[in-house]
N, C-alpha and C. Protein backbone atom coordinates (compact mmCIF):
# COMPACT_ATOMS: atom_id res chain seq x y z
N MET A 1 111.09 103.81 107.64
CA MET A 1 110.75 103.17 106.29
C MET A 1 110.07 103.38 105.87
N ARG A 2 109.71 103.49 104.74
CA ARG A 2 109.18 103.89 103.28
C ARG A 2 107.49 102.73 103.96
N ARG A 3 106.17 103.70 103.98
CA ARG A 3 105.16 102.74 104.02
C ARG A 3 104.29 103.05 102.47
N ILE A 4 103.52 101.64 102.19
CA ILE A 4 102.54 101.83 101.10
C ILE A 4 101.78 101.14 101.33
N ARG A 5 100.17 101.56 100.29
CA ARG A 5 99.22 100.86 100.64
C ARG A 5 98.49 100.53 99.43
N ALA A 6 98.06 99.43 99.58
CA ALA A 6 97.35 98.60 98.27
C ALA A 6 96.03 98.38 98.48
N CYS A 7 95.13 98.34 97.49
CA CYS A 7 93.75 97.40 97.62
C CYS A 7 93.44 97.42 96.72
N GLY A 8 92.74 96.20 96.78
CA GLY A 8 92.11 95.34 95.87
C GLY A 8 91.09 94.47 96.09
N LEU A 9 90.55 93.92 94.93
CA LEU A 9 89.46 92.77 94.79
C LEU A 9 89.59 91.43 94.79
N LEU A 10 88.68 90.52 95.58
CA LEU A 10 88.71 89.22 94.80
C LEU A 10 87.21 89.26 94.56
N LEU A 11 87.46 88.90 93.35
CA LEU A 11 85.34 88.74 92.53
C LEU A 11 85.83 87.44 92.44
N PHE A 12 84.53 87.08 93.06
CA PHE A 12 83.59 85.99 92.76
C PHE A 12 82.61 86.01 91.65
N ARG A 13 82.69 84.71 90.80
CA ARG A 13 81.24 84.71 89.88
C ARG A 13 80.88 83.26 89.91
N ALA A 14 79.20 83.48 90.44
CA ALA A 14 78.79 81.73 90.21
C ALA A 14 77.90 81.86 88.99
N GLY A 15 78.26 80.46 89.34
CA GLY A 15 77.40 79.49 88.22
C GLY A 15 77.51 78.39 88.42
N PRO A 16 77.48 77.23 87.92
CA PRO A 16 77.82 75.96 87.94
C PRO A 16 78.57 75.83 89.32
N GLN A 17 79.98 76.52 89.33
CA GLN A 17 80.82 76.15 89.93
C GLN A 17 81.12 78.01 90.47
N LEU A 18 81.75 77.83 92.06
CA LEU A 18 81.93 79.04 92.31
C LEU A 18 83.24 79.30 91.79
N GLN A 19 83.25 80.67 91.18
CA GLN A 19 85.05 81.14 90.77
C GLN A 19 85.38 82.30 91.64
N PHE A 20 87.20 82.15 91.43
CA PHE A 20 86.98 83.72 91.81
C PHE A 20 88.62 83.98 90.49
N LEU A 21 88.81 85.02 90.86
CA LEU A 21 89.42 85.59 89.39
C LEU A 21 91.01 85.95 90.15
N LEU A 22 91.73 85.43 88.92
CA LEU A 22 93.33 85.82 89.65
C LEU A 22 94.06 86.21 88.09
N MET A 23 95.44 87.69 88.44
CA MET A 23 95.75 87.99 87.07
C MET A 23 97.29 87.61 87.08
N LYS A 24 97.08 86.77 85.57
CA LYS A 24 98.51 86.36 85.62
C LYS A 24 100.25 87.54 85.91
N HIS A 25 100.81 87.28 86.27
CA HIS A 25 102.33 88.27 86.44
C HIS A 25 103.15 87.01 85.60
N VAL A 26 104.84 87.07 85.68
CA VAL A 26 105.31 86.72 84.84
C VAL A 26 105.42 85.40 85.83
N ASP A 27 105.92 86.15 86.96
CA ASP A 27 106.52 84.64 87.76
C ASP A 27 105.52 84.37 89.10
N ARG A 28 104.09 84.90 88.88
CA ARG A 28 102.58 84.78 89.70
C ARG A 28 101.58 85.33 89.37
N TRP A 29 100.37 84.67 90.57
CA TRP A 29 99.20 84.88 90.16
C TRP A 29 99.11 86.42 91.54
N ASP A 30 98.27 87.07 91.11
CA ASP A 30 97.94 87.94 91.96
C ASP A 30 96.24 88.82 91.62
N LEU A 31 95.89 89.15 92.65
CA LEU A 31 94.25 89.92 92.63
C LEU A 31 94.63 91.06 91.55
N PRO A 32 93.65 91.92 91.35
CA PRO A 32 93.59 92.89 90.81
C PRO A 32 93.56 94.41 91.56
N LYS A 33 94.59 94.57 91.94
CA LYS A 33 95.37 95.92 92.93
C LYS A 33 96.22 96.75 92.58
N GLY A 34 96.09 98.00 93.20
CA GLY A 34 97.11 98.90 93.14
C GLY A 34 97.39 100.09 94.18
N HIS A 35 98.05 100.42 94.30
CA HIS A 35 98.12 101.34 95.22
C HIS A 35 97.69 102.48 95.23
N VAL A 36 97.00 103.31 96.98
CA VAL A 36 96.14 104.32 96.70
C VAL A 36 96.78 105.35 96.43
N GLU A 37 95.58 105.95 95.65
CA GLU A 37 96.45 107.60 95.25
C GLU A 37 95.66 108.50 96.10
N ALA A 38 96.44 110.10 96.33
CA ALA A 38 96.20 110.53 97.25
C ALA A 38 94.83 110.78 97.30
N GLY A 39 94.20 111.25 98.31
CA GLY A 39 92.91 111.58 98.04
C GLY A 39 91.56 110.39 98.12
N GLU A 40 91.95 108.97 98.07
CA GLU A 40 91.65 108.17 97.62
C GLU A 40 91.21 107.28 98.76
N SER A 41 89.98 106.65 99.23
CA SER A 41 89.66 105.54 100.16
C SER A 41 90.40 104.39 99.60
N ASP A 42 90.18 103.38 100.32
CA ASP A 42 90.29 101.54 100.32
C ASP A 42 89.60 101.60 99.18
N LEU A 43 88.39 101.83 99.41
CA LEU A 43 87.12 100.86 98.32
C LEU A 43 87.32 101.51 97.12
N GLU A 44 87.53 102.91 96.80
CA GLU A 44 87.71 103.38 95.57
C GLU A 44 89.07 103.40 95.34
N CYS A 45 90.15 102.88 95.86
CA CYS A 45 91.26 102.43 95.26
C CYS A 45 90.71 101.00 94.72
N ALA A 46 90.51 100.45 95.38
CA ALA A 46 89.96 99.01 94.61
C ALA A 46 89.44 98.83 93.45
N LEU A 47 88.24 99.91 93.50
CA LEU A 47 87.48 99.23 92.19
C LEU A 47 87.78 100.21 90.99
N ARG A 48 89.12 100.82 91.44
CA ARG A 48 89.74 101.72 90.05
C ARG A 48 90.26 100.92 89.62
N GLU A 49 91.35 100.05 91.02
CA GLU A 49 92.33 99.21 90.32
C GLU A 49 91.79 97.99 89.33
N THR A 50 90.53 97.65 90.05
CA THR A 50 89.74 96.20 89.25
C THR A 50 89.51 96.69 87.68
N GLN A 51 88.99 98.30 87.69
CA GLN A 51 88.82 98.56 86.02
C GLN A 51 89.68 98.89 85.37
N GLU A 52 91.07 99.35 85.38
CA GLU A 52 91.98 99.54 84.96
C GLU A 52 92.43 98.45 84.88
N GLU A 53 92.53 97.02 85.60
CA GLU A 53 93.66 95.73 85.10
C GLU A 53 92.76 95.11 84.75
N THR A 54 91.28 95.34 84.93
CA THR A 54 90.19 94.14 84.27
C THR A 54 89.28 94.47 82.94
N GLY A 55 88.85 95.73 82.89
CA GLY A 55 88.19 96.54 82.23
C GLY A 55 86.75 96.21 82.49
N ILE A 56 86.87 95.06 83.82
CA ILE A 56 85.22 95.34 84.93
C ILE A 56 84.81 96.69 85.42
N ASP A 57 83.82 97.78 84.90
CA ASP A 57 83.68 98.39 85.63
C ASP A 57 82.99 98.33 86.87
N ALA A 58 82.84 99.31 87.72
CA ALA A 58 82.31 99.48 89.21
C ALA A 58 80.99 99.05 88.64
N SER A 59 79.51 99.26 87.83
CA SER A 59 78.45 99.17 87.50
C SER A 59 78.37 97.79 87.55
N ARG A 60 79.12 96.92 87.19
CA ARG A 60 79.30 95.08 87.28
C ARG A 60 79.11 94.43 88.16
N LEU A 61 79.82 95.24 89.77
CA LEU A 61 80.11 94.76 90.69
C LEU A 61 79.20 94.72 92.21
N THR A 62 79.13 93.84 93.10
CA THR A 62 78.70 94.27 94.06
C THR A 62 79.50 94.29 95.25
N VAL A 63 79.98 94.82 96.00
CA VAL A 63 81.13 94.38 96.90
C VAL A 63 80.15 94.19 98.21
N HIS A 64 80.66 93.79 98.83
CA HIS A 64 80.05 92.93 100.16
C HIS A 64 80.62 93.94 101.25
N PRO A 65 79.13 94.23 101.77
CA PRO A 65 78.98 94.73 102.81
C PRO A 65 79.88 95.20 104.09
N GLU A 66 80.55 94.13 104.25
CA GLU A 66 81.10 93.64 105.38
C GLU A 66 82.54 93.20 105.48
N PHE A 67 82.65 91.89 104.70
CA PHE A 67 84.10 91.85 104.32
C PHE A 67 85.41 92.79 104.35
N ARG A 68 86.38 92.51 104.83
CA ARG A 68 87.42 93.24 104.66
C ARG A 68 88.49 92.45 105.01
N PHE A 69 89.27 92.38 104.37
CA PHE A 69 91.02 91.87 104.86
C PHE A 69 92.03 92.42 104.48
N GLU A 70 92.82 92.39 105.85
CA GLU A 70 94.12 93.49 105.71
C GLU A 70 95.04 92.76 106.24
N THR A 71 96.76 92.63 105.42
CA THR A 71 97.85 91.92 105.51
C THR A 71 98.66 93.09 106.08
N SER A 72 100.13 92.73 106.65
CA SER A 72 101.13 93.62 106.25
C SER A 72 102.42 93.48 105.76
N TYR A 73 103.29 93.37 105.32
CA TYR A 73 104.75 93.12 105.40
C TYR A 73 105.57 93.49 104.79
N GLU A 74 106.96 93.47 104.92
CA GLU A 74 107.68 93.77 104.62
C GLU A 74 108.25 93.40 103.08
N VAL A 75 108.75 94.40 102.32
CA VAL A 75 109.00 94.45 100.62
C VAL A 75 110.42 95.05 100.72
N PRO A 76 111.65 93.88 100.37
CA PRO A 76 112.55 94.21 100.49
C PRO A 76 112.99 95.01 99.34
N ASN A 77 113.85 95.92 99.17
CA ASN A 77 114.37 96.41 97.40
C ASN A 77 113.40 96.96 97.05
N TRP A 78 112.45 97.45 97.40
CA TRP A 78 110.81 97.89 97.12
C TRP A 78 111.36 98.70 95.76
N ARG A 79 110.64 98.20 94.56
CA ARG A 79 111.12 99.22 93.08
C ARG A 79 112.46 99.38 92.95
N ALA A 80 113.19 98.28 93.11
CA ALA A 80 114.55 98.26 92.82
C ALA A 80 115.11 99.41 93.68
N THR A 81 115.26 100.33 94.89
CA THR A 81 115.47 101.40 95.33
C THR A 81 116.68 100.66 96.51
N ARG A 82 117.10 99.69 96.53
CA ARG A 82 117.49 99.20 98.00
C ARG A 82 117.44 99.43 99.44
N GLU A 83 116.07 100.15 99.35
CA GLU A 83 115.52 100.38 100.99
C GLU A 83 113.91 99.40 100.77
N SER A 84 114.03 98.59 101.77
CA SER A 84 112.71 98.35 102.66
C SER A 84 111.69 99.36 102.57
N ALA A 85 110.22 98.71 102.26
CA ALA A 85 109.54 99.39 102.89
C ALA A 85 107.88 98.22 103.53
N TRP A 86 107.23 99.13 104.09
CA TRP A 86 106.20 98.24 104.61
C TRP A 86 104.80 98.33 104.13
N LYS A 87 104.45 97.48 103.69
CA LYS A 87 103.47 97.43 102.86
C LYS A 87 102.04 96.68 103.43
N THR A 88 100.61 97.44 103.53
CA THR A 88 99.51 97.46 103.71
C THR A 88 98.85 96.67 103.02
N VAL A 89 97.70 96.01 102.40
CA VAL A 89 97.34 95.42 101.34
C VAL A 89 95.94 95.21 102.06
N VAL A 90 94.83 95.78 100.91
CA VAL A 90 93.54 95.58 101.30
C VAL A 90 92.73 94.96 100.78
N ILE A 91 91.84 93.96 100.75
CA ILE A 91 90.94 93.09 99.84
C ILE A 91 89.83 93.29 100.38
N PHE A 92 88.99 93.55 99.32
CA PHE A 92 87.52 93.71 99.68
C PHE A 92 86.96 92.72 98.83
N LEU A 93 85.28 92.07 99.37
CA LEU A 93 84.81 90.76 98.54
C LEU A 93 83.94 91.00 97.73
N ALA A 94 83.94 90.68 95.97
CA ALA A 94 82.73 91.36 95.48
C ALA A 94 82.26 90.19 94.52
N VAL A 95 81.14 90.45 93.49
CA VAL A 95 80.94 89.66 93.27
C VAL A 95 80.81 90.28 91.70
N ALA A 96 81.21 89.48 90.65
CA ALA A 96 81.17 89.90 89.33
C ALA A 96 80.07 89.55 88.22
N ARG A 97 79.39 90.38 87.98
CA ARG A 97 78.62 90.44 86.10
C ARG A 97 79.12 90.99 85.03
N HIS A 98 79.98 90.17 84.64
CA HIS A 98 80.53 90.47 83.50
C HIS A 98 80.56 89.73 82.26
N ASP A 99 79.61 90.50 81.20
CA ASP A 99 79.23 89.80 80.10
C ASP A 99 80.63 89.80 79.20
N GLY A 100 81.32 90.27 79.24
CA GLY A 100 82.51 90.29 78.08
C GLY A 100 83.66 89.95 78.60
N GLU A 101 84.63 90.03 77.83
CA GLU A 101 86.17 89.11 78.54
C GLU A 101 86.43 90.23 79.00
N ILE A 102 87.67 89.92 80.34
CA ILE A 102 88.22 90.27 80.78
C ILE A 102 89.30 91.09 80.02
N GLN A 103 89.78 92.17 80.66
CA GLN A 103 90.91 92.98 79.16
C GLN A 103 92.18 92.98 80.32
N PRO A 104 93.06 92.18 80.29
CA PRO A 104 94.13 92.30 81.09
C PRO A 104 95.07 93.46 80.51
N SER A 105 95.23 94.63 81.28
CA SER A 105 96.04 95.68 80.99
C SER A 105 97.36 95.76 81.21
N GLU A 106 97.66 95.48 82.31
CA GLU A 106 98.70 95.22 83.26
C GLU A 106 99.39 94.05 83.24
N HIS A 107 98.82 92.70 83.29
CA HIS A 107 99.35 91.41 83.32
C HIS A 107 99.18 90.69 81.80
N LEU A 108 100.12 89.47 82.24
CA LEU A 108 100.21 88.68 80.69
C LEU A 108 98.63 87.95 80.30
N GLY A 109 97.88 88.20 81.32
CA GLY A 109 96.42 87.24 81.29
C GLY A 109 95.93 86.55 82.48
N HIS A 110 94.98 86.47 82.71
CA HIS A 110 93.82 85.54 84.23
C HIS A 110 93.36 84.74 83.77
N ALA A 111 92.98 84.33 84.79
CA ALA A 111 92.30 82.81 85.05
C ALA A 111 91.51 82.88 86.00
N TRP A 112 90.07 82.18 85.68
CA TRP A 112 89.01 81.99 87.03
C TRP A 112 89.10 80.84 87.71
N PHE A 113 89.66 80.57 89.11
CA PHE A 113 89.96 79.27 89.30
C PHE A 113 88.28 79.08 90.08
N PRO A 114 88.65 77.83 90.38
CA PRO A 114 87.41 77.00 90.81
C PRO A 114 87.63 77.23 92.69
N TRP A 115 86.80 77.53 93.18
CA TRP A 115 86.76 77.43 94.66
C TRP A 115 86.20 76.36 95.44
N SER A 116 87.66 75.54 95.73
CA SER A 116 87.90 74.09 95.69
C SER A 116 89.00 74.41 97.62
N PRO A 117 88.78 74.70 98.46
CA PRO A 117 89.96 75.25 99.75
C PRO A 117 90.39 73.64 100.26
N PRO A 118 91.19 73.53 100.61
CA PRO A 118 92.22 74.68 100.16
C PRO A 118 92.91 74.99 98.89
N HIS A 119 93.55 76.18 99.58
CA HIS A 119 94.24 76.79 98.25
C HIS A 119 95.91 76.85 98.41
N ALA A 120 96.81 76.62 97.33
CA ALA A 120 98.12 76.75 97.60
C ALA A 120 98.75 77.89 96.52
N ILE A 121 98.50 78.89 96.25
CA ILE A 121 98.47 79.70 94.68
C ILE A 121 99.86 80.94 94.99
N GLN A 122 99.47 81.64 96.23
CA GLN A 122 101.29 82.33 96.50
C GLN A 122 100.90 82.58 98.17
N SER A 123 101.75 82.60 98.79
CA SER A 123 102.04 82.63 100.56
C SER A 123 101.49 83.60 101.09
N ARG A 124 102.03 85.01 100.39
CA ARG A 124 102.22 86.16 101.04
C ARG A 124 100.79 86.59 101.41
N THR A 125 100.14 86.94 100.17
CA THR A 125 98.73 87.56 100.22
C THR A 125 97.78 86.56 99.88
N ILE A 126 98.07 85.89 98.44
CA ILE A 126 96.71 84.87 98.50
C ILE A 126 96.04 83.73 99.33
N ASP A 127 97.19 83.18 99.57
CA ASP A 127 96.78 81.89 100.41
C ASP A 127 96.27 82.43 101.81
N PRO A 128 96.79 83.55 102.61
CA PRO A 128 96.11 83.99 103.62
C PRO A 128 94.44 84.61 103.47
N LEU A 129 94.65 85.72 102.63
CA LEU A 129 93.16 86.17 102.18
C LEU A 129 92.42 84.97 101.76
N LEU A 130 92.48 83.84 100.91
CA LEU A 130 91.22 82.85 100.44
C LEU A 130 90.90 81.77 101.94
N ARG A 131 91.95 82.05 103.04
CA ARG A 131 91.79 80.99 104.17
C ARG A 131 90.62 81.57 105.07
N ASN A 132 90.98 83.24 105.02
CA ASN A 132 90.05 83.90 105.94
C ASN A 132 88.64 84.03 104.98
N VAL A 133 88.42 84.00 103.93
CA VAL A 133 87.47 83.70 103.20
C VAL A 133 86.27 82.45 103.39
N GLU A 134 87.28 81.21 103.57
CA GLU A 134 87.10 79.80 103.38
C GLU A 134 86.14 80.00 105.06
N ARG A 135 86.71 80.70 105.78
CA ARG A 135 86.35 80.68 107.07
C ARG A 135 85.22 81.34 107.27
N HIS A 136 84.80 82.78 106.66
CA HIS A 136 83.85 83.88 106.35
C HIS A 136 82.66 83.15 106.01
N PHE A 137 82.75 81.86 104.59
CA PHE A 137 82.00 80.80 104.06
C PHE A 137 81.56 79.66 104.80
N GLN A 138 81.96 79.85 106.47
CA GLN A 138 81.71 78.39 107.06
C GLN A 138 79.74 78.88 107.48
N ASP A 139 80.05 80.30 107.71
CA ASP A 139 78.52 80.94 107.74
C ASP A 139 77.96 80.51 106.59
N PRO A 140 76.72 79.63 106.53
CA PRO A 140 76.02 79.79 105.48
C PRO A 140 75.26 80.52 104.55
N ARG A 141 74.83 81.86 105.06
CA ARG A 141 74.61 82.63 104.79
C ARG A 141 75.28 83.45 103.75
N GLU A 142 76.32 83.50 104.41
CA GLU A 142 77.67 84.14 103.49
C GLU A 142 78.04 83.60 102.10
N LEU A 143 78.04 82.13 102.05
CA LEU A 143 78.32 81.64 100.80
C LEU A 143 76.97 82.16 99.71
N GLN A 144 75.87 81.94 100.59
CA GLN A 144 74.35 82.01 99.88
C GLN A 144 74.36 83.83 99.14
N TRP A 145 75.13 84.38 100.06
CA TRP A 145 74.64 85.88 99.46
C TRP A 145 75.43 85.97 98.36
N ILE A 146 76.85 84.96 97.19
CA ILE A 146 77.32 85.28 96.30
C ILE A 146 76.34 84.82 95.55
N HIS A 147 76.04 83.84 95.91
CA HIS A 147 74.92 83.30 94.83
C HIS A 147 73.63 84.08 94.10
N ASP A 148 73.32 84.58 95.55
CA ASP A 148 71.68 85.56 95.30
C ASP A 148 72.26 86.75 94.56
N THR A 149 73.44 87.28 94.83
CA THR A 149 73.84 88.49 94.68
C THR A 149 74.10 88.43 93.19
N ALA A 150 74.68 87.35 92.88
CA ALA A 150 75.33 86.89 91.18
C ALA A 150 73.43 86.93 90.58
N GLU A 151 72.96 86.30 90.77
CA GLU A 151 71.62 86.08 90.57
C GLU A 151 70.91 87.44 90.24
N VAL A 152 70.95 88.12 91.11
CA VAL A 152 70.07 89.72 91.40
C VAL A 152 71.16 90.33 90.27
N ARG A 153 72.58 90.54 89.92
CA ARG A 153 72.86 91.31 88.94
C ARG A 153 72.97 90.52 87.81
N SER A 154 72.59 89.59 87.64
CA SER A 154 72.50 88.61 86.21
C SER A 154 70.83 89.18 86.01
N GLY A 155 70.07 89.31 86.69
CA GLY A 155 68.91 89.15 86.14
C GLY A 155 67.75 87.99 86.40
N ASN A 156 68.46 87.41 86.82
CA ASN A 156 67.36 86.37 86.95
C ASN A 156 66.40 86.24 88.35
């Protein structure tokens, strides 16, 4: 079975309410993510794909130094080949400071969703990721990291 690997970021922004970014496909919401290229680390892939799909440069992001979510599942009829593939998805947590508009290049649009667990958005990858982040945020220092990082990034 073919093995594929994709990486991306769960981007948060702090403000009056904590929010996370999702990109709109025709039939679902998803994270900015994509396939790892030869010689690329998982984090390099996540940062590159985020810039390609949102227009947000890595210099406007702070990636959590320890958070990493990984899940794997079978994708039937991968890219209409009638063959299945085993897909591994790796997601990092990041805080975005982005003064301009999101510039979707591969999606119909985007939205900043309020952080208000539990979430029911997409059962294969998004919901398990958000449940994992919710557990991660049970440590008040981790949730504070988001707010502190956003303040530092914005120069406050």
